[in-house]
Amino acid sequence: MGYQATSRTCPQEVLDRFKKDPGAFDLLLIDLTMPAMTGERLARKVRTIHQDLPVIICTGYGEQMAQQKLDRLGGAQLLLKPVDLRDLASGLRRVVARPA
């Protein structure tokens, strides 16, 4: 799709990498459920560094449960699993095109 991605498997690695150069990231695409730290917690920590960073959270949980968590994050987007390429592309365009 033309985007450059930085991938990490551990939420703490994501946070450490983000702290080193927050300006290198245009958005955060994470799962709601991850080992050692939830996606909601990671998004909160990242937003203490860059409060306007767009966040997309993927989840296999029901939409209502996930939406409640997103509402607490303010402005995060939701992608329900399974995520197909078209939904991913649409979600990325929606948050990248959004004015900061």
PDB file of N, CA and C in Angstrom:
ATOM      1  N   MET A   1       0.822  -1.209   0.000  1.00  0.00           N
ATOM      2  CA  MET A   1       0.000   0.000   0.000  1.00  0.00           C
ATOM      3  C   MET A   1       0.853   1.255   0.000  1.00  0.00           C
ATOM      4  N   GLY A   2       2.165   1.094   0.054  1.00  0.00           N
ATOM      5  CA  GLY A   2       3.039   2.247  -0.008  1.00  0.00           C
ATOM      6  C   GLY A   2       3.437   2.832   1.332  1.00  0.00           C
ATOM      7  N   TYR A   3       2.999   2.235   2.427  1.00  0.00           N
ATOM      8  CA  TYR A   3       3.370   2.728   3.753  1.00  0.00           C
ATOM      9  C   TYR A   3       4.644   2.044   4.206  1.00  0.00           C
ATOM     10  N   GLN A   4       5.422   2.712   5.016  1.00  0.00           N
ATOM     11  CA  GLN A   4       6.610   2.112   5.612  1.00  0.00           C
ATOM     12  C   GLN A   4       6.247   1.736   7.043  1.00  0.00           C
ATOM     13  N   ALA A   5       6.409   0.479   7.395  1.00  0.00           N
ATOM     14  CA  ALA A   5       6.005  -0.004   8.715  1.00  0.00           C
ATOM     15  C   ALA A   5       7.210  -0.378   9.557  1.00  0.00           C
ATOM     16  N   THR A   6       7.091  -0.121  10.843  1.00  0.00           N
ATOM     17  CA  THR A   6       8.044  -0.590  11.829  1.00  0.00           C
ATOM     18  C   THR A   6       7.288  -1.599  12.676  1.00  0.00           C
ATOM     19  N   SER A   7       7.795  -2.801  12.774  1.00  0.00           N
ATOM     20  CA  SER A   7       7.085  -3.865  13.455  1.00  0.00           C
ATOM     21  C   SER A   7       7.854  -4.334  14.685  1.00  0.00           C
ATOM     22  N   ARG A   8       7.117  -4.544  15.757  1.00  0.00           N
ATOM     23  CA  ARG A   8       7.684  -5.108  16.979  1.00  0.00           C
ATOM     24  C   ARG A   8       6.702  -6.134  17.524  1.00  0.00           C
ATOM     25  N   THR A   9       7.192  -7.144  18.227  1.00  0.00           N
ATOM     26  CA  THR A   9       6.322  -8.174  18.776  1.00  0.00           C
ATOM     27  C   THR A   9       6.016  -7.973  20.255  1.00  0.00           C
ATOM     28  N   CYS A  10       6.733  -7.093  20.899  1.00  0.00           N
ATOM     29  CA  CYS A  10       6.575  -6.847  22.330  1.00  0.00           C
ATOM     30  C   CYS A  10       6.151  -5.383  22.544  1.00  0.00           C
ATOM     31  N   PRO A  11       5.087  -5.144  23.300  1.00  0.00           N
ATOM     32  CA  PRO A  11       4.644  -3.769  23.528  1.00  0.00           C
ATOM     33  C   PRO A  11       5.721  -2.858  24.117  1.00  0.00           C
ATOM     34  N   GLN A  12       6.546  -3.390  25.020  1.00  0.00           N
ATOM     35  CA  GLN A  12       7.603  -2.559  25.604  1.00  0.00           C
ATOM     36  C   GLN A  12       8.613  -2.147  24.539  1.00  0.00           C
ATOM     37  N   GLU A  13       8.903  -3.025  23.585  1.00  0.00           N
ATOM     38  CA  GLU A  13       9.802  -2.672  22.481  1.00  0.00           C
ATOM     39  C   GLU A  13       9.201  -1.548  21.642  1.00  0.00           C
ATOM     40  N   VAL A  14       7.886  -1.610  21.424  1.00  0.00           N
ATOM     41  CA  VAL A  14       7.205  -0.543  20.691  1.00  0.00           C
ATOM     42  C   VAL A  14       7.391   0.780  21.421  1.00  0.00           C
ATOM     43  N   LEU A  15       7.125   0.772  22.706  1.00  0.00           N
ATOM     44  CA  LEU A  15       7.240   1.994  23.503  1.00  0.00           C
ATOM     45  C   LEU A  15       8.672   2.528  23.513  1.00  0.00           C
ATOM     46  N   ASP A  16       9.637   1.645  23.695  1.00  0.00           N
ATOM     47  CA  ASP A  16      11.044   2.072  23.703  1.00  0.00           C
ATOM     48  C   ASP A  16      11.440   2.683  22.359  1.00  0.00           C
ATOM     49  N   ARG A  17      11.033   2.052  21.272  1.00  0.00           N
ATOM     50  CA  ARG A  17      11.358   2.560  19.928  1.00  0.00           C
ATOM     51  C   ARG A  17      10.681   3.902  19.694  1.00  0.00           C
ATOM     52  N   PHE A  18       9.443   4.020  20.113  1.00  0.00           N
ATOM     53  CA  PHE A  18       8.707   5.268  19.936  1.00  0.00           C
ATOM     54  C   PHE A  18       9.352   6.404  20.732  1.00  0.00           C
ATOM     55  N   LYS A  19       9.790   6.130  21.946  1.00  0.00           N
ATOM     56  CA  LYS A  19      10.428   7.150  22.782  1.00  0.00           C
ATOM     57  C   LYS A  19      11.698   7.690  22.136  1.00  0.00           C
ATOM     58  N   LYS A  20      12.427   6.834  21.404  1.00  0.00           N
ATOM     59  CA  LYS A  20      13.673   7.260  20.777  1.00  0.00           C
ATOM     60  C   LYS A  20      13.444   8.295  19.674  1.00  0.00           C
ATOM     61  N   ASP A  21      12.339   8.178  18.935  1.00  0.00           N
ATOM     62  CA  ASP A  21      12.077   9.093  17.827  1.00  0.00           C
ATOM     63  C   ASP A  21      10.580   9.167  17.519  1.00  0.00           C
ATOM     64  N   PRO A  22       9.810   9.855  18.370  1.00  0.00           N
ATOM     65  CA  PRO A  22       8.364   9.921  18.176  1.00  0.00           C
ATOM     66  C   PRO A  22       7.963  10.525  16.829  1.00  0.00           C
ATOM     67  N   GLY A  23       8.762  11.418  16.314  1.00  0.00           N
ATOM     68  CA  GLY A  23       8.452  12.071  15.047  1.00  0.00           C
ATOM     69  C   GLY A  23       8.545  11.154  13.841  1.00  0.00           C
ATOM     70  N   ALA A  24       9.110   9.976  14.021  1.00  0.00           N
ATOM     71  CA  ALA A  24       9.257   9.032  12.909  1.00  0.00           C
ATOM     72  C   ALA A  24       7.976   8.246  12.643  1.00  0.00           C
ATOM     73  N   PHE A  25       6.952   8.453  13.475  1.00  0.00           N
ATOM     74  CA  PHE A  25       5.725   7.675  13.366  1.00  0.00           C
ATOM     75  C   PHE A  25       4.529   8.562  13.048  1.00  0.00           C
ATOM     76  N   ASP A  26       3.718   8.100  12.091  1.00  0.00           N
ATOM     77  CA  ASP A  26       2.507   8.819  11.711  1.00  0.00           C
ATOM     78  C   ASP A  26       1.260   8.225  12.350  1.00  0.00           C
ATOM     79  N   LEU A  27       1.358   6.984  12.794  1.00  0.00           N
ATOM     80  CA  LEU A  27       0.233   6.338  13.468  1.00  0.00           C
ATOM     81  C   LEU A  27       0.711   5.109  14.192  1.00  0.00           C
ATOM     82  N   LEU A  28      -0.157   4.604  15.072  1.00  0.00           N
ATOM     83  CA  LEU A  28       0.127   3.398  15.833  1.00  0.00           C
ATOM     84  C   LEU A  28      -0.968   2.385  15.513  1.00  0.00           C
ATOM     85  N   LEU A  29      -0.588   1.230  15.016  1.00  0.00           N
ATOM     86  CA  LEU A  29      -1.511   0.143  14.685  1.00  0.00           C
ATOM     87  C   LEU A  29      -1.174  -1.019  15.606  1.00  0.00           C
ATOM     88  N   ILE A  30      -2.080  -1.325  16.537  1.00  0.00           N
ATOM     89  CA  ILE A  30      -1.796  -2.335  17.556  1.00  0.00           C
ATOM     90  C   ILE A  30      -3.010  -3.227  17.779  1.00  0.00           C
ATOM     91  N   ASP A  31      -2.776  -4.312  18.500  1.00  0.00           N
ATOM     92  CA  ASP A  31      -3.853  -5.208  18.895  1.00  0.00           C
ATOM     93  C   ASP A  31      -4.309  -4.810  20.296  1.00  0.00           C
ATOM     94  N   LEU A  32      -5.565  -5.042  20.582  1.00  0.00           N
ATOM     95  CA  LEU A  32      -6.086  -4.737  21.911  1.00  0.00           C
ATOM     96  C   LEU A  32      -5.484  -5.665  22.967  1.00  0.00           C
ATOM     97  N   THR A  33      -5.267  -6.924  22.593  1.00  0.00           N
ATOM     98  CA  THR A  33      -4.725  -7.905  23.525  1.00  0.00           C
ATOM     99  C   THR A  33      -3.319  -8.294  23.094  1.00  0.00           C
ATOM    100  N   MET A  34      -2.356  -7.991  23.954  1.00  0.00           N
ATOM    101  CA  MET A  34      -0.951  -8.303  23.678  1.00  0.00           C
ATOM    102  C   MET A  34      -0.311  -8.813  24.960  1.00  0.00           C
ATOM    103  N   PRO A  35       0.821  -9.494  24.849  1.00  0.00           N
ATOM    104  CA  PRO A  35       1.486  -9.988  26.058  1.00  0.00           C
ATOM    105  C   PRO A  35       2.090  -8.843  26.871  1.00  0.00           C
ATOM    106  N   ALA A  36       1.940  -8.921  28.180  1.00  0.00           N
ATOM    107  CA  ALA A  36       2.579  -8.013  29.138  1.00  0.00           C
ATOM    108  C   ALA A  36       1.971  -6.609  29.203  1.00  0.00           C
ATOM    109  N   MET A  37       1.252  -6.167  28.188  1.00  0.00           N
ATOM    110  CA  MET A  37       0.658  -4.829  28.209  1.00  0.00           C
ATOM    111  C   MET A  37      -0.495  -4.806  27.203  1.00  0.00           C
ATOM    112  N   THR A  38      -1.641  -4.298  27.622  1.00  0.00           N
ATOM    113  CA  THR A  38      -2.768  -4.226  26.693  1.00  0.00           C
ATOM    114  C   THR A  38      -2.533  -3.137  25.654  1.00  0.00           C
ATOM    115  N   GLY A  39      -3.227  -3.237  24.543  1.00  0.00           N
ATOM    116  CA  GLY A  39      -3.141  -2.203  23.527  1.00  0.00           C
ATOM    117  C   GLY A  39      -3.625  -0.859  24.045  1.00  0.00           C
ATOM    118  N   GLU A  40      -4.650  -0.901  24.888  1.00  0.00           N
ATOM    119  CA  GLU A  40      -5.161   0.336  25.486  1.00  0.00           C
ATOM    120  C   GLU A  40      -4.075   1.013  26.333  1.00  0.00           C
ATOM    121  N   ARG A  41      -3.375   0.234  27.130  1.00  0.00           N
ATOM    122  CA  ARG A  41      -2.310   0.802  27.983  1.00  0.00           C
ATOM    123  C   ARG A  41      -1.153   1.334  27.136  1.00  0.00           C
ATOM    124  N   LEU A  42      -0.759   0.579  26.113  1.00  0.00           N
ATOM    125  CA  LEU A  42       0.311   1.041  25.235  1.00  0.00           C
ATOM    126  C   LEU A  42      -0.079   2.346  24.542  1.00  0.00           C
ATOM    127  N   ALA A  43      -1.297   2.409  24.048  1.00  0.00           N
ATOM    128  CA  ALA A  43      -1.754   3.633  23.383  1.00  0.00           C
ATOM    129  C   ALA A  43      -1.722   4.819  24.345  1.00  0.00           C
ATOM    130  N   ARG A  44      -2.138   4.613  25.588  1.00  0.00           N
ATOM    131  CA  ARG A  44      -2.097   5.694  26.588  1.00  0.00           C
ATOM    132  C   ARG A  44      -0.656   6.173  26.824  1.00  0.00           C
ATOM    133  N   LYS A  45       0.271   5.221  26.946  1.00  0.00           N
ATOM    134  CA  LYS A  45       1.669   5.585  27.184  1.00  0.00           C
ATOM    135  C   LYS A  45       2.249   6.353  25.993  1.00  0.00           C
ATOM    136  N   VAL A  46       1.958   5.897  24.791  1.00  0.00           N
ATOM    137  CA  VAL A  46       2.441   6.580  23.590  1.00  0.00           C
ATOM    138  C   VAL A  46       1.837   7.975  23.507  1.00  0.00           C
ATOM    139  N   ARG A  47       0.585   8.094  23.872  1.00  0.00           N
ATOM    140  CA  ARG A  47      -0.072   9.405  23.795  1.00  0.00           C
ATOM    141  C   ARG A  47       0.396  10.369  24.880  1.00  0.00           C
ATOM    142  N   THR A  48       1.089   9.909  25.901  1.00  0.00           N
ATOM    143  CA  THR A  48       1.696  10.852  26.841  1.00  0.00           C
ATOM    144  C   THR A  48       2.881  11.545  26.187  1.00  0.00           C
ATOM    145  N   ILE A  49       3.434  10.919  25.166  1.00  0.00           N
ATOM    146  CA  ILE A  49       4.563  11.488  24.425  1.00  0.00           C
ATOM    147  C   ILE A  49       4.064  12.300  23.239  1.00  0.00           C
ATOM    148  N   HIS A  50       3.063  11.798  22.547  1.00  0.00           N
ATOM    149  CA  HIS A  50       2.507  12.453  21.346  1.00  0.00           C
ATOM    150  C   HIS A  50       0.986  12.307  21.413  1.00  0.00           C
ATOM    151  N   GLN A  51       0.327  13.280  22.027  1.00  0.00           N
ATOM    152  CA  GLN A  51      -1.102  13.144  22.326  1.00  0.00           C
ATOM    153  C   GLN A  51      -2.006  13.080  21.102  1.00  0.00           C
ATOM    154  N   ASP A  52      -1.571  13.570  19.969  1.00  0.00           N
ATOM    155  CA  ASP A  52      -2.411  13.581  18.775  1.00  0.00           C
ATOM    156  C   ASP A  52      -2.100  12.442  17.800  1.00  0.00           C
ATOM    157  N   LEU A  53      -1.245  11.509  18.194  1.00  0.00           N
ATOM    158  CA  LEU A  53      -0.893  10.418  17.296  1.00  0.00           C
ATOM    159  C   LEU A  53      -2.133   9.567  17.007  1.00  0.00           C
ATOM    160  N   PRO A  54      -2.472   9.374  15.738  1.00  0.00           N
ATOM    161  CA  PRO A  54      -3.597   8.504  15.408  1.00  0.00           C
ATOM    162  C   PRO A  54      -3.306   7.061  15.839  1.00  0.00           C
ATOM    163  N   VAL A  55      -4.339   6.402  16.364  1.00  0.00           N
ATOM    164  CA  VAL A  55      -4.207   5.031  16.843  1.00  0.00           C
ATOM    165  C   VAL A  55      -5.305   4.183  16.203  1.00  0.00           C
ATOM    166  N   ILE A  56      -4.901   3.031  15.664  1.00  0.00           N
ATOM    167  CA  ILE A  56      -5.845   2.029  15.185  1.00  0.00           C
ATOM    168  C   ILE A  56      -5.636   0.792  16.037  1.00  0.00           C
ATOM    169  N   ILE A  57      -6.727   0.316  16.644  1.00  0.00           N
ATOM    170  CA  ILE A  57      -6.652  -0.876  17.469  1.00  0.00           C
ATOM    171  C   ILE A  57      -7.444  -1.992  16.803  1.00  0.00           C
ATOM    172  N   CYS A  58      -6.794  -3.128  16.623  1.00  0.00           N
ATOM    173  CA  CYS A  58      -7.431  -4.317  16.065  1.00  0.00           C
ATOM    174  C   CYS A  58      -7.850  -5.221  17.222  1.00  0.00           C
ATOM    175  N   THR A  59      -8.988  -5.871  17.062  1.00  0.00           N
ATOM    176  CA  THR A  59      -9.450  -6.777  18.102  1.00  0.00           C
ATOM    177  C   THR A  59     -10.390  -7.823  17.553  1.00  0.00           C
ATOM    178  N   GLY A  60     -10.413  -8.943  18.224  1.00  0.00           N
ATOM    179  CA  GLY A  60     -11.368  -9.999  17.917  1.00  0.00           C
ATOM    180  C   GLY A  60     -12.529  -9.990  18.890  1.00  0.00           C
ATOM    181  N   TYR A  61     -12.477  -9.085  19.878  1.00  0.00           N
ATOM    182  CA  TYR A  61     -13.578  -8.944  20.819  1.00  0.00           C
ATOM    183  C   TYR A  61     -14.775  -8.342  20.118  1.00  0.00           C
ATOM    184  N   GLY A  62     -15.911  -8.397  20.763  1.00  0.00           N
ATOM    185  CA  GLY A  62     -17.113  -7.788  20.209  1.00  0.00           C
ATOM    186  C   GLY A  62     -16.945  -6.288  20.064  1.00  0.00           C
ATOM    187  N   GLU A  63     -17.619  -5.727  19.095  1.00  0.00           N
ATOM    188  CA  GLU A  63     -17.488  -4.301  18.793  1.00  0.00           C
ATOM    189  C   GLU A  63     -17.872  -3.425  19.972  1.00  0.00           C
ATOM    190  N   GLN A  64     -18.931  -3.785  20.699  1.00  0.00           N
ATOM    191  CA  GLN A  64     -19.373  -2.949  21.815  1.00  0.00           C
ATOM    192  C   GLN A  64     -18.316  -2.892  22.908  1.00  0.00           C
ATOM    193  N   MET A  65     -17.747  -4.035  23.277  1.00  0.00           N
ATOM    194  CA  MET A  65     -16.713  -4.067  24.307  1.00  0.00           C
ATOM    195  C   MET A  65     -15.489  -3.263  23.867  1.00  0.00           C
ATOM    196  N   ALA A  66     -15.060  -3.468  22.639  1.00  0.00           N
ATOM    197  CA  ALA A  66     -13.889  -2.762  22.129  1.00  0.00           C
ATOM    198  C   ALA A  66     -14.164  -1.262  22.035  1.00  0.00           C
ATOM    199  N   GLN A  67     -15.354  -0.881  21.624  1.00  0.00           N
ATOM    200  CA  GLN A  67     -15.678   0.534  21.471  1.00  0.00           C
ATOM    201  C   GLN A  67     -15.626   1.263  22.810  1.00  0.00           C
ATOM    202  N   GLN A  68     -16.025   0.599  23.889  1.00  0.00           N
ATOM    203  CA  GLN A  68     -15.948   1.206  25.215  1.00  0.00           C
ATOM    204  C   GLN A  68     -14.496   1.542  25.566  1.00  0.00           C
ATOM    205  N   LYS A  69     -13.590   0.649  25.252  1.00  0.00           N
ATOM    206  CA  LYS A  69     -12.170   0.893  25.517  1.00  0.00           C
ATOM    207  C   LYS A  69     -11.649   2.031  24.639  1.00  0.00           C
ATOM    208  N   LEU A  70     -12.076   2.062  23.392  1.00  0.00           N
ATOM    209  CA  LEU A  70     -11.640   3.117  22.476  1.00  0.00           C
ATOM    210  C   LEU A  70     -12.155   4.482  22.907  1.00  0.00           C
ATOM    211  N   ASP A  71     -13.373   4.519  23.405  1.00  0.00           N
ATOM    212  CA  ASP A  71     -13.934   5.788  23.858  1.00  0.00           C
ATOM    213  C   ASP A  71     -13.071   6.405  24.954  1.00  0.00           C
ATOM    214  N   ARG A  72     -12.490   5.563  25.793  1.00  0.00           N
ATOM    215  CA  ARG A  72     -11.608   6.073  26.850  1.00  0.00           C
ATOM    216  C   ARG A  72     -10.305   6.628  26.284  1.00  0.00           C
ATOM    217  N   LEU A  73      -9.924   6.187  25.099  1.00  0.00           N
ATOM    218  CA  LEU A  73      -8.694   6.666  24.469  1.00  0.00           C
ATOM    219  C   LEU A  73      -8.924   7.950  23.675  1.00  0.00           C
ATOM    220  N   GLY A  74     -10.130   8.222  23.302  1.00  0.00           N
ATOM    221  CA  GLY A  74     -10.429   9.437  22.567  1.00  0.00           C
ATOM    222  C   GLY A  74      -9.807   9.475  21.188  1.00  0.00           C
ATOM    223  N   GLY A  75     -10.592   9.175  20.186  1.00  0.00           N
ATOM    224  CA  GLY A  75     -10.135   9.316  18.810  1.00  0.00           C
ATOM    225  C   GLY A  75      -9.469   8.112  18.190  1.00  0.00           C
ATOM    226  N   ALA A  76      -9.339   7.023  18.930  1.00  0.00           N
ATOM    227  CA  ALA A  76      -8.750   5.822  18.341  1.00  0.00           C
ATOM    228  C   ALA A  76      -9.758   5.174  17.409  1.00  0.00           C
ATOM    229  N   GLN A  77      -9.249   4.548  16.367  1.00  0.00           N
ATOM    230  CA  GLN A  77     -10.082   3.851  15.396  1.00  0.00           C
ATOM    231  C   GLN A  77     -10.076   2.354  15.715  1.00  0.00           C
ATOM    232  N   LEU A  78     -11.135   1.677  15.324  1.00  0.00           N
ATOM    233  CA  LEU A  78     -11.280   0.260  15.595  1.00  0.00           C
ATOM    234  C   LEU A  78     -11.321  -0.529  14.296  1.00  0.00           C
ATOM    235  N   LEU A  79     -10.578  -1.635  14.256  1.00  0.00           N
ATOM    236  CA  LEU A  79     -10.676  -2.607  13.169  1.00  0.00           C
ATOM    237  C   LEU A  79     -10.975  -3.954  13.810  1.00  0.00           C
ATOM    238  N   LEU A  80     -12.093  -4.556  13.411  1.00  0.00           N
ATOM    239  CA  LEU A  80     -12.465  -5.857  13.952  1.00  0.00           C
ATOM    240  C   LEU A  80     -11.828  -6.981  13.144  1.00  0.00           C
ATOM    241  N   LYS A  81     -11.298  -7.976  13.852  1.00  0.00           N
ATOM    242  CA  LYS A  81     -10.706  -9.142  13.203  1.00  0.00           C
ATOM    243  C   LYS A  81     -11.809 -10.092  12.769  1.00  0.00           C
ATOM    244  N   PRO A  82     -11.616 -10.821  11.744  1.00  0.00           N
ATOM    245  CA  PRO A  82     -10.433 -10.785  10.887  1.00  0.00           C
ATOM    246  C   PRO A  82     -10.441  -9.525  10.022  1.00  0.00           C
ATOM    247  N   VAL A  83      -9.277  -8.925   9.865  1.00  0.00           N
ATOM    248  CA  VAL A  83      -9.119  -7.693   9.082  1.00  0.00           C
ATOM    249  C   VAL A  83      -8.665  -8.067   7.685  1.00  0.00           C
ATOM    250  N   ASP A  84      -9.444  -7.668   6.689  1.00  0.00           N
ATOM    251  CA  ASP A  84      -8.986  -7.927   5.321  1.00  0.00           C
ATOM    252  C   ASP A  84      -8.226  -6.702   4.816  1.00  0.00           C
ATOM    253  N   LEU A  85      -7.538  -6.874   3.713  1.00  0.00           N
ATOM    254  CA  LEU A  85      -6.671  -5.830   3.182  1.00  0.00           C
ATOM    255  C   LEU A  85      -7.439  -4.549   2.873  1.00  0.00           C
ATOM    256  N   ARG A  86      -8.647  -4.676   2.353  1.00  0.00           N
ATOM    257  CA  ARG A  86      -9.455  -3.498   2.021  1.00  0.00           C
ATOM    258  C   ARG A  86      -9.807  -2.699   3.279  1.00  0.00           C
ATOM    259  N   ASP A  87     -10.204  -3.386   4.365  1.00  0.00           N
ATOM    260  CA  ASP A  87     -10.534  -2.699   5.616  1.00  0.00           C
ATOM    261  C   ASP A  87      -9.297  -2.039   6.230  1.00  0.00           C
ATOM    262  N   LEU A  88      -8.162  -2.716   6.152  1.00  0.00           N
ATOM    263  CA  LEU A  88      -6.917  -2.159   6.660  1.00  0.00           C
ATOM    264  C   LEU A  88      -6.551  -0.897   5.884  1.00  0.00           C
ATOM    265  N   ALA A  89      -6.600  -0.974   4.566  1.00  0.00           N
ATOM    266  CA  ALA A  89      -6.265   0.186   3.729  1.00  0.00           C
ATOM    267  C   ALA A  89      -7.200   1.354   4.025  1.00  0.00           C
ATOM    268  N   SER A  90      -8.466   1.079   4.177  1.00  0.00           N
ATOM    269  CA  SER A  90      -9.443   2.127   4.475  1.00  0.00           C
ATOM    270  C   SER A  90      -9.162   2.768   5.831  1.00  0.00           C
ATOM    271  N   GLY A  91      -8.876   1.945   6.835  1.00  0.00           N
ATOM    272  CA  GLY A  91      -8.563   2.465   8.164  1.00  0.00           C
ATOM    273  C   GLY A  91      -7.307   3.312   8.171  1.00  0.00           C
ATOM    274  N   LEU A  92      -6.286   2.865   7.461  1.00  0.00           N
ATOM    275  CA  LEU A  92      -5.035   3.634   7.388  1.00  0.00           C
ATOM    276  C   LEU A  92      -5.270   4.980   6.697  1.00  0.00           C
ATOM    277  N   ARG A  93      -5.980   4.960   5.579  1.00  0.00           N
ATOM    278  CA  ARG A  93      -6.252   6.216   4.876  1.00  0.00           C
ATOM    279  C   ARG A  93      -7.051   7.174   5.751  1.00  0.00           C
ATOM    280  N   ARG A  94      -8.005   6.637   6.486  1.00  0.00           N
ATOM    281  CA  ARG A  94      -8.858   7.473   7.334  1.00  0.00           C
ATOM    282  C   ARG A  94      -8.036   8.216   8.393  1.00  0.00           C
ATOM    283  N   VAL A  95      -7.106   7.537   9.048  1.00  0.00           N
ATOM    284  CA  VAL A  95      -6.349   8.197  10.110  1.00  0.00           C
ATOM    285  C   VAL A  95      -5.181   9.027   9.585  1.00  0.00           C
ATOM    286  N   VAL A  96      -4.563   8.601   8.505  1.00  0.00           N
ATOM    287  CA  VAL A  96      -3.436   9.360   7.945  1.00  0.00           C
ATOM    288  C   VAL A  96      -3.923  10.655   7.313  1.00  0.00           C
ATOM    289  N   ALA A  97      -5.086  10.627   6.704  1.00  0.00           N
ATOM    290  CA  ALA A  97      -5.629  11.817   6.043  1.00  0.00           C
ATOM    291  C   ALA A  97      -6.228  12.808   7.023  1.00  0.00           C
ATOM    292  N   ARG A  98      -6.474  12.362   8.248  1.00  0.00           N
ATOM    293  CA  ARG A  98      -7.099  13.222   9.265  1.00  0.00           C
ATOM    294  C   ARG A  98      -6.125  14.327   9.662  1.00  0.00           C
ATOM    295  N   PRO A  99      -6.594  15.590   9.699  1.00  0.00           N
ATOM    296  CA  PRO A  99      -5.696  16.669  10.107  1.00  0.00           C
ATOM    297  C   PRO A  99      -5.302  16.528  11.577  1.00  0.00           C
ATOM    298  N   ALA A 100      -4.068  16.842  11.881  1.00  0.00           N
ATOM    299  CA  ALA A 100      -3.564  16.723  13.264  1.00  0.00           C
ATOM    300  C   ALA A 100      -4.085  17.841  14.132  1.00  0.00           C
TER     301      ALA A 100
END
